Every structure is written in C-alpha cells, then in structure tokens.
C-alpha atoms as a PDB file:
ATOM      1  CA  MET A   1       2.749  27.046 -11.048  1.00  0.00           C
ATOM      2  CA  LEU A   2       4.056  23.254 -10.532  1.00  0.00           C
ATOM      3  CA  GLU A   3       6.058  23.132 -13.809  1.00  0.00           C
ATOM      4  CA  LYS A   4       8.415  26.541 -12.165  1.00  0.00           C
ATOM      5  CA  GLU A   5       8.519  24.377  -8.994  1.00  0.00           C
ATOM      6  CA  TYR A   6       9.807  21.593 -10.658  1.00  0.00           C
ATOM      7  CA  GLU A   7      12.462  23.273 -12.517  1.00  0.00           C
ATOM      8  CA  GLU A   8      13.703  24.741  -9.052  1.00  0.00           C
ATOM      9  CA  TYR A   9      13.690  21.006  -7.974  1.00  0.00           C
ATOM     10  CA  LEU A  10      15.888  19.893 -10.500  1.00  0.00           C
ATOM     11  CA  ARG A  11      17.912  23.268 -10.544  1.00  0.00           C
ATOM     12  CA  ASP A  12      21.811  22.262 -10.507  1.00  0.00           C
ATOM     13  CA  LYS A  13      21.123  18.803  -9.856  1.00  0.00           C
ATOM     14  CA  ARG A  14      22.759  15.671 -11.030  1.00  0.00           C
ATOM     15  CA  VAL A  15      20.076  13.507 -12.485  1.00  0.00           C
ATOM     16  CA  ILE A  16      20.321   9.950 -13.518  1.00  0.00           C
ATOM     17  CA  LEU A  17      17.583   8.084 -15.743  1.00  0.00           C
ATOM     18  CA  VAL A  18      17.571   4.211 -14.922  1.00  0.00           C
ATOM     19  CA  GLY A  19      15.803   2.270 -17.831  1.00  0.00           C
ATOM     20  CA  PRO A  20      14.363  -1.096 -17.674  1.00  0.00           C
ATOM     21  CA  ALA A  21      16.869  -2.757 -20.296  1.00  0.00           C
ATOM     22  CA  THR A  22      17.975  -6.285 -18.775  1.00  0.00           C
ATOM     23  CA  TYR A  23      21.696  -5.602 -19.328  1.00  0.00           C
ATOM     24  CA  LEU A  24      21.732  -3.712 -16.024  1.00  0.00           C
ATOM     25  CA  ILE A  25      21.519  -6.829 -14.110  1.00  0.00           C
ATOM     26  CA  GLY A  26      24.837  -7.875 -12.830  1.00  0.00           C
ATOM     27  CA  ARG A  27      26.334  -4.502 -13.342  1.00  0.00           C
ATOM     28  CA  ASN A  28      26.458  -3.915  -9.420  1.00  0.00           C
ATOM     29  CA  GLN A  29      25.472  -0.197 -10.014  1.00  0.00           C
ATOM     30  CA  GLY A  30      22.895   0.305  -7.337  1.00  0.00           C
ATOM     31  CA  GLU A  31      25.149   2.279  -4.722  1.00  0.00           C
ATOM     32  CA  GLU A  32      26.213   4.508  -7.568  1.00  0.00           C
ATOM     33  CA  ILE A  33      22.701   5.188  -8.505  1.00  0.00           C
ATOM     34  CA  ASP A  34      21.598   6.121  -5.340  1.00  0.00           C
ATOM     35  CA  ASN A  35      24.165   8.602  -4.885  1.00  0.00           C
ATOM     36  CA  TYR A  36      22.981  10.965  -7.578  1.00  0.00           C
ATOM     37  CA  ASP A  37      21.016  14.178  -6.472  1.00  0.00           C
ATOM     38  CA  ILE A  38      17.943  12.818  -8.305  1.00  0.00           C
ATOM     39  CA  VAL A  39      16.736   9.277  -9.347  1.00  0.00           C
ATOM     40  CA  VAL A  40      14.538   9.153 -12.374  1.00  0.00           C
ATOM     41  CA  ARG A  41      12.417   5.976 -13.542  1.00  0.00           C
ATOM     42  CA  MET A  42       9.689   5.396 -16.203  1.00  0.00           C
ATOM     43  CA  ASN A  43       6.303   3.537 -16.560  1.00  0.00           C
ATOM     44  CA  ASN A  44       5.934   0.404 -14.464  1.00  0.00           C
ATOM     45  CA  SER A  45       9.546   0.303 -12.802  1.00  0.00           C
ATOM     46  CA  LEU A  46       7.943   0.498  -9.294  1.00  0.00           C
ATOM     47  CA  PRO A  47       8.082  -1.467  -7.083  1.00  0.00           C
ATOM     48  CA  LEU A  48      11.902  -2.392  -7.742  1.00  0.00           C
ATOM     49  CA  PRO A  49      12.465  -6.010  -7.226  1.00  0.00           C
ATOM     50  CA  GLU A  50      14.463  -6.034  -3.852  1.00  0.00           C
ATOM     51  CA  GLU A  51      16.778  -8.493  -5.129  1.00  0.00           C
ATOM     52  CA  TYR A  52      17.872  -5.989  -7.769  1.00  0.00           C
ATOM     53  CA  HIS A  53      18.595  -3.020  -5.497  1.00  0.00           C
ATOM     54  CA  LYS A  54      22.388  -3.786  -5.948  1.00  0.00           C
ATOM     55  CA  TYR A  55      21.897  -3.365  -9.707  1.00  0.00           C
ATOM     56  CA  LEU A  56      19.112  -0.882  -9.833  1.00  0.00           C
ATOM     57  CA  GLY A  57      19.488   1.401  -6.594  1.00  0.00           C
ATOM     58  CA  SER A  58      16.522   1.393  -4.521  1.00  0.00           C
ATOM     59  CA  ARG A  59      15.712   5.202  -4.486  1.00  0.00           C
ATOM     60  CA  THR A  60      13.311   6.764  -6.822  1.00  0.00           C
ATOM     61  CA  ASP A  61      12.370  10.710  -6.865  1.00  0.00           C
ATOM     62  CA  VAL A  62      10.813  11.240  -9.884  1.00  0.00           C
ATOM     63  CA  LEU A  63       8.417   8.826 -12.308  1.00  0.00           C
ATOM     64  CA  TYR A  64       7.711   9.637 -15.827  1.00  0.00           C
ATOM     65  CA  HIS A  65       4.705   7.601 -16.763  1.00  0.00           C
ATOM     66  CA  GLY A  66       2.350   7.118 -19.900  1.00  0.00           C
ATOM     67  CA  LEU A  67      -0.763   6.620 -18.068  1.00  0.00           C
ATOM     68  CA  PHE A  68      -1.364   3.723 -20.349  1.00  0.00           C
ATOM     69  CA  SER A  69      -5.046   2.659 -20.732  1.00  0.00           C
ATOM     70  CA  ASP A  70      -3.728  -1.166 -20.219  1.00  0.00           C
ATOM     71  CA  GLY A  71      -1.048  -0.118 -17.718  1.00  0.00           C
ATOM     72  CA  PHE A  72      -2.859   2.301 -15.552  1.00  0.00           C
ATOM     73  CA  PRO A  73      -1.633   2.611 -12.137  1.00  0.00           C
ATOM     74  CA  GLN A  74      -3.097   0.388  -9.189  1.00  0.00           C
ATOM     75  CA  GLU A  75      -3.727   1.119  -5.601  1.00  0.00           C
ATOM     76  CA  SER A  76      -0.958  -1.375  -4.453  1.00  0.00           C
ATOM     77  CA  GLU A  77       1.252   1.186  -6.808  1.00  0.00           C
ATOM     78  CA  LYS A  78      -0.189   4.285  -4.989  1.00  0.00           C
ATOM     79  CA  GLN A  79       0.591   2.885  -2.021  1.00  0.00           C
ATOM     80  CA  HIS A  80       4.129   2.130  -2.928  1.00  0.00           C
ATOM     81  CA  TRP A  81       4.924   5.423  -3.947  1.00  0.00           C
ATOM     82  CA  ARG A  82       3.773   6.733  -0.587  1.00  0.00           C
ATOM     83  CA  GLU A  83       6.008   4.304   1.127  1.00  0.00           C
ATOM     84  CA  ILE A  84       9.241   5.341  -0.923  1.00  0.00           C
ATOM     85  CA  ASN A  85       8.448   8.934  -0.830  1.00  0.00           C
ATOM     86  CA  LEU A  86       7.949   9.517  -4.320  1.00  0.00           C
ATOM     87  CA  LYS A  87       8.082  13.262  -4.830  1.00  0.00           C
ATOM     88  CA  TRP A  88       7.248  13.897  -8.534  1.00  0.00           C
ATOM     89  CA  ILE A  89       5.091  12.113 -11.432  1.00  0.00           C
ATOM     90  CA  VAL A  90       5.504  13.371 -14.753  1.00  0.00           C
ATOM     91  CA  SER A  91       2.939  12.441 -17.610  1.00  0.00           C
ATOM     92  CA  LYS A  92       2.911  12.917 -21.093  1.00  0.00           C
ATOM     93  CA  LEU A  93      -0.791  13.529 -21.634  1.00  0.00           C
ATOM     94  CA  GLY A  94      -2.321  16.714 -21.825  1.00  0.00           C
ATOM     95  CA  LYS A  95      -4.371  17.697 -18.596  1.00  0.00           C
ATOM     96  CA  SER A  96      -7.619  17.501 -20.278  1.00  0.00           C
ATOM     97  CA  ASN A  97      -6.906  13.947 -21.499  1.00  0.00           C
ATOM     98  CA  SER A  98      -9.505  11.541 -19.807  1.00  0.00           C
ATOM     99  CA  ARG A  99      -6.721   9.291 -18.295  1.00  0.00           C
ATOM    100  CA  SER A 100      -5.211  12.310 -16.885  1.00  0.00           C
ATOM    101  CA  LEU A 101      -8.490  13.440 -15.190  1.00  0.00           C
ATOM    102  CA  ARG A 102      -8.707   9.986 -13.896  1.00  0.00           C
ATOM    103  CA  PHE A 103      -5.124  10.043 -12.629  1.00  0.00           C
ATOM    104  CA  GLU A 104      -5.836  13.677 -11.097  1.00  0.00           C
ATOM    105  CA  GLU A 105      -8.654  11.847  -9.089  1.00  0.00           C
ATOM    106  CA  PHE A 106      -6.401   8.673  -8.428  1.00  0.00           C
ATOM    107  CA  ILE A 107      -3.679  10.602  -6.442  1.00  0.00           C
ATOM    108  CA  LYS A 108      -5.789  13.521  -4.584  1.00  0.00           C
ATOM    109  CA  ASP A 109      -5.029  11.644  -1.392  1.00  0.00           C
ATOM    110  CA  ILE A 110      -1.227  11.336  -1.442  1.00  0.00           C
ATOM    111  CA  ASP A 111       1.294  14.062  -1.295  1.00  0.00           C
ATOM    112  CA  ILE A 112       2.530  13.640  -5.065  1.00  0.00           C
ATOM    113  CA  LYS A 113       3.177  16.678  -7.510  1.00  0.00           C
ATOM    114  CA  TRP A 114       2.252  15.893 -10.967  1.00  0.00           C
ATOM    115  CA  ILE A 115       2.911  17.814 -14.055  1.00  0.00           C
ATOM    116  CA  THR A 116       2.427  16.765 -17.819  1.00  0.00           C
ATOM    117  CA  THR A 117       4.883  17.168 -21.049  1.00  0.00           C
ATOM    118  CA  SER A 118       2.409  17.294 -23.813  1.00  0.00           C
ATOM    119  CA  LYS A 119       4.299  20.051 -25.647  1.00  0.00           C
ATOM    120  CA  VAL A 120       7.400  18.149 -25.687  1.00  0.00           C
ATOM    121  CA  ARG A 121       5.815  15.450 -27.727  1.00  0.00           C
ATOM    122  CA  ARG A 122       5.006  18.060 -30.428  1.00  0.00           C
ATOM    123  CA  GLU A 123       8.881  19.156 -30.431  1.00  0.00           C
ATOM    124  CA  ILE A 124       9.922  15.529 -30.711  1.00  0.00           C
ATOM    125  CA  SER A 125       7.486  14.779 -33.563  1.00  0.00           C
ATOM    126  CA  LYS A 126       9.630  17.180 -35.747  1.00  0.00           C
ATOM    127  CA  TYR A 127      12.419  14.667 -35.421  1.00  0.00           C
ATOM    128  CA  THR A 128      10.953  11.128 -35.011  1.00  0.00           C
ATOM    129  CA  LYS A 129       8.219   9.015 -36.748  1.00  0.00           C
ATOM    130  CA  LYS A 130       5.364   7.083 -35.108  1.00  0.00           C
ATOM    131  CA  SER A 131       4.970   7.236 -31.330  1.00  0.00           C
ATOM    132  CA  SER A 132       7.805   8.596 -29.526  1.00  0.00           C
ATOM    133  CA  SER A 133       8.925   6.336 -26.838  1.00  0.00           C
ATOM    134  CA  GLN A 134       8.674   7.270 -23.218  1.00  0.00           C
ATOM    135  CA  GLY A 135      12.560   7.491 -22.776  1.00  0.00           C
ATOM    136  CA  THR A 136      12.852  10.043 -25.728  1.00  0.00           C
ATOM    137  CA  ILE A 137       9.953  12.056 -23.940  1.00  0.00           C
ATOM    138  CA  THR A 138      11.824  11.820 -20.670  1.00  0.00           C
ATOM    139  CA  ILE A 139      15.288  12.532 -21.770  1.00  0.00           C
ATOM    140  CA  VAL A 140      14.082  15.807 -23.658  1.00  0.00           C
ATOM    141  CA  HIS A 141      11.799  17.227 -20.771  1.00  0.00           C
ATOM    142  CA  LEU A 142      14.932  16.685 -18.473  1.00  0.00           C
ATOM    143  CA  LEU A 143      17.258  18.633 -20.924  1.00  0.00           C
ATOM    144  CA  GLN A 144      14.832  21.381 -20.932  1.00  0.00           C
ATOM    145  CA  GLN A 145      15.021  21.802 -17.153  1.00  0.00           C
ATOM    146  CA  PRO A 146      17.944  23.529 -15.496  1.00  0.00           C
ATOM    147  CA  ILE A 147      19.941  20.423 -14.521  1.00  0.00           C
ATOM    148  CA  LYS A 148      23.535  20.094 -13.902  1.00  0.00           C
ATOM    149  CA  TYR A 149      23.502  17.123 -16.050  1.00  0.00           C
ATOM    150  CA  LEU A 150      21.698  13.995 -17.033  1.00  0.00           C
ATOM    151  CA  LYS A 151      23.202  10.208 -17.039  1.00  0.00           C
ATOM    152  CA  VAL A 152      21.011   7.842 -18.674  1.00  0.00           C
ATOM    153  CA  ILE A 153      21.617   4.014 -17.996  1.00  0.00           C
ATOM    154  CA  GLY A 154      19.435   0.957 -18.929  1.00  0.00           C
ATOM    155  CA  CYS A 155      18.195   2.176 -22.154  1.00  0.00           C
ATOM    156  CA  ASP A 156      18.919   0.323 -25.311  1.00  0.00           C
ATOM    157  CA  PHE A 157      15.943   0.700 -27.722  1.00  0.00           C
ATOM    158  CA  TYR A 158      14.793  -2.685 -26.791  1.00  0.00           C
ATOM    159  CA  GLN A 159      17.968  -4.576 -28.005  1.00  0.00           C
ATOM    160  CA  THR A 160      18.009  -6.657 -24.712  1.00  0.00           C
ATOM    161  CA  GLY A 161      14.492  -6.508 -23.553  1.00  0.00           C
ATOM    162  CA  TYR A 162      13.349  -5.638 -19.963  1.00  0.00           C
ATOM    163  CA  TYR A 163      14.649  -7.204 -16.995  1.00  0.00           C
ATOM    164  CA  LEU A 164      12.627  -9.817 -15.318  1.00  0.00           C
ATOM    165  CA  GLY A 165      10.270  -8.044 -12.823  1.00  0.00           C
ATOM    166  CA  TYR A 166       9.513  -4.973 -14.717  1.00  0.00           C
ATOM    167  CA  LYS A 167       5.822  -4.159 -14.921  1.00  0.00           C
ATOM    168  CA  GLY A 168       5.763  -7.304 -12.697  1.00  0.00           C
ATOM    169  CA  LEU A 169       6.637  -9.624 -15.875  1.00  0.00           C
ATOM    170  CA  GLN A 170       7.858 -13.101 -14.641  1.00  0.00           C
ATOM    171  CA  ASP A 171       7.887 -15.053 -17.749  1.00  0.00           C
ATOM    172  CA  GLU A 172      10.958 -14.811 -19.859  1.00  0.00           C
ATOM    173  CA  GLU A 173       8.768 -15.687 -23.086  1.00  0.00           C
ATOM    174  CA  GLN A 174       6.456 -12.726 -22.773  1.00  0.00           C
ATOM    175  CA  ILE A 175       9.230 -10.461 -21.924  1.00  0.00           C
ATOM    176  CA  GLU A 176      10.808 -11.502 -25.335  1.00  0.00           C
ATOM    177  CA  ASN A 177       7.722 -11.156 -27.479  1.00  0.00           C
ATOM    178  CA  ILE A 178       7.250  -7.863 -26.052  1.00  0.00           C
ATOM    179  CA  ARG A 179      10.760  -7.237 -26.990  1.00  0.00           C
ATOM    180  CA  LYS A 180      10.300  -8.392 -30.454  1.00  0.00           C
ATOM    181  CA  ILE A 181       7.221  -6.493 -30.998  1.00  0.00           C
ATOM    182  CA  ASN A 182       9.191  -3.171 -29.837  1.00  0.00           C
ATOM    183  CA  GLN A 183      12.039  -3.680 -31.924  1.00  0.00           C
ATOM    184  CA  SER A 184       9.627  -4.484 -35.151  1.00  0.00           C
ATOM    185  CA  GLY A 185       8.932  -0.550 -35.285  1.00  0.00           C
ATOM    186  CA  LYS A 186       5.357  -1.197 -35.111  1.00  0.00           C
ATOM    187  CA  ILE A 187       4.955   1.048 -32.105  1.00  0.00           C
ATOM    188  CA  HIS A 188       8.135   3.293 -32.275  1.00  0.00           C
ATOM    189  CA  ASP A 189      10.559   3.874 -35.316  1.00  0.00           C
ATOM    190  CA  MET A 190      13.728   2.836 -33.518  1.00  0.00           C
ATOM    191  CA  ASP A 191      16.010   4.363 -36.119  1.00  0.00           C
ATOM    192  CA  SER A 192      14.690   7.822 -36.121  1.00  0.00           C
ATOM    193  CA  GLN A 193      14.716   7.936 -32.325  1.00  0.00           C
ATOM    194  CA  ILE A 194      18.076   6.617 -32.251  1.00  0.00           C
ATOM    195  CA  LYS A 195      19.367   9.572 -34.693  1.00  0.00           C
ATOM    196  CA  TYR A 196      17.419  12.066 -32.462  1.00  0.00           C
ATOM    197  CA  TRP A 197      18.998  10.771 -29.274  1.00  0.00           C
ATOM    198  CA  ALA A 198      22.390  11.013 -31.328  1.00  0.00           C
ATOM    199  CA  LYS A 199      21.639  14.416 -31.911  1.00  0.00           C
ATOM    200  CA  LEU A 200      20.879  15.428 -28.544  1.00  0.00           C
ATOM    201  CA  TRP A 201      23.877  13.615 -27.111  1.00  0.00           C
ATOM    202  CA  LYS A 202      26.128  15.657 -29.784  1.00  0.00           C
ATOM    203  CA  GLU A 203      24.619  19.066 -29.067  1.00  0.00           C
ATOM    204  CA  ASP A 204      23.963  18.963 -25.381  1.00  0.00           C
ATOM    205  CA  ASP A 205      27.357  18.341 -23.082  1.00  0.00           C
ATOM    206  CA  ARG A 206      25.047  17.803 -20.161  1.00  0.00           C
ATOM    207  CA  LEU A 207      23.684  14.407 -21.471  1.00  0.00           C
ATOM    208  CA  LYS A 208      25.973  11.698 -20.539  1.00  0.00           C
ATOM    209  CA  VAL A 209      25.464   7.978 -21.506  1.00  0.00           C
ATOM    210  CA  ASP A 210      26.765   4.733 -20.409  1.00  0.00           C
ATOM    211  CA  ASP A 211      28.858   2.240 -22.611  1.00  0.00           C
ATOM    212  CA  VAL A 212      25.808   0.414 -24.180  1.00  0.00           C
ATOM    213  CA  LEU A 213      23.987   3.473 -25.014  1.00  0.00           C
ATOM    214  CA  GLU A 214      27.369   5.104 -26.590  1.00  0.00           C
ATOM    215  CA  LYS A 215      27.803   2.095 -28.985  1.00  0.00           C
ATOM    216  CA  ILE A 216      24.197   2.259 -30.061  1.00  0.00           C
ATOM    217  CA  LEU A 217      24.851   6.258 -30.698  1.00  0.00           C
ATOM    218  CA  THR A 218      28.002   5.905 -32.645  1.00  0.00           C
ATOM    219  CA  GLN A 219      27.122   2.961 -34.821  1.00  0.00           C
END
C-alpha cells in the first residue's frame, strides 16, 4: 500500500514544514531549509518565487494539498511538479470524493505518488472547532509517521498573512483581506487550533517550532 511506502519514505528523516507566512521573508533560511532530509510545503506554495529561494529554500519533496474547488491545481502547476521532481502529494479528501477522483485523473501522466489523510480530519475534530486548517492536518499526519523530528516554520495562524507571491497573489491589499478573513474565525477557529498545536508540541518532543510559533503557543 502507498501509505506504508510513505511511512518508509519518512522513516528516521529530519523533516521541515515550510508555511506561507510573510515573516519568513528576510530571514535567509533557504540553505538551512534545503539541508533537511525532507522539505514539505502546503497547498498553492508552488512554484516558489525564485527571488525568495534564499528565504524559503528551493526544494519541495512533499506537498500537502486541499484540492480546493476554487484552487484546484492547473496544468502549469503539474508541469512544475514534474520539473522539480516532486515525490508525494497528500490530500485531506477521501479517495471517493469527486475532487479526489478528478485529481487522480489529473496526475495519471506524471510520476507522483498520492495518498489521502481523511482519517486524520476525524481525529483532529475531537480537539478543534469548525474546519481544520491545512497546517493542522499536515502536522498531525506527519507526526503519525516514523520521522526523526519535524521542524515547523512559517506558520503563525495568519497573524502576518501570506508572503507576496503565494498562490500567485501579487496584490498586497488582497493578501491583507484574506488574512483578515482567516483571522476572523469564519473558516477556522484559531483559538482551538492554537491550543491543539500547543498540546502536540508539549506531548511530542519530535515537534520543533521556530521562535514566532513558540511565542504563539506559549501565550
């Protein structure tokens, strides 16, 4: 099964999850990011703006993607996945979901392995309200794997918003409007997810966070 293959792919690996928060821009962590065994990103992070490689790194091995109806991958993205030799895509939707079926057809002509995390969403729902963010789903699923450890950077619960270029966004006003919607709690309940992340961080010493996320989790 592909799930078992994914476990073996991650076994004893140093994994870094690079989120889309704008505070990463200017931190010059690109080389450090690329030196991890496995680099994970989420949703519409690809392609990475080349001028940001010194901040965000240039590698991506695993992409966790929501396969949103309004952000479904395009042919240009698929071509980019091929060019960067993306290894795995992990979706939060069940295999029988209509978007999953569409995605299965979409990737049949490229060499990328794909699994889903639908069971993880049910586990998270015990601790969080409303819809779980992609970051929460990604962290929980990665911690279920036999990794050496997971470092999380660029995740601040929308406090600073997306970096310019994420999702192809080039309008700062639009990015700020998205940040306000996400912060409002209309889609994700931030308080319950912050508490859940803090619980995971306290209970699993494989979970490492940067200074920004540590400050949020200890407030």
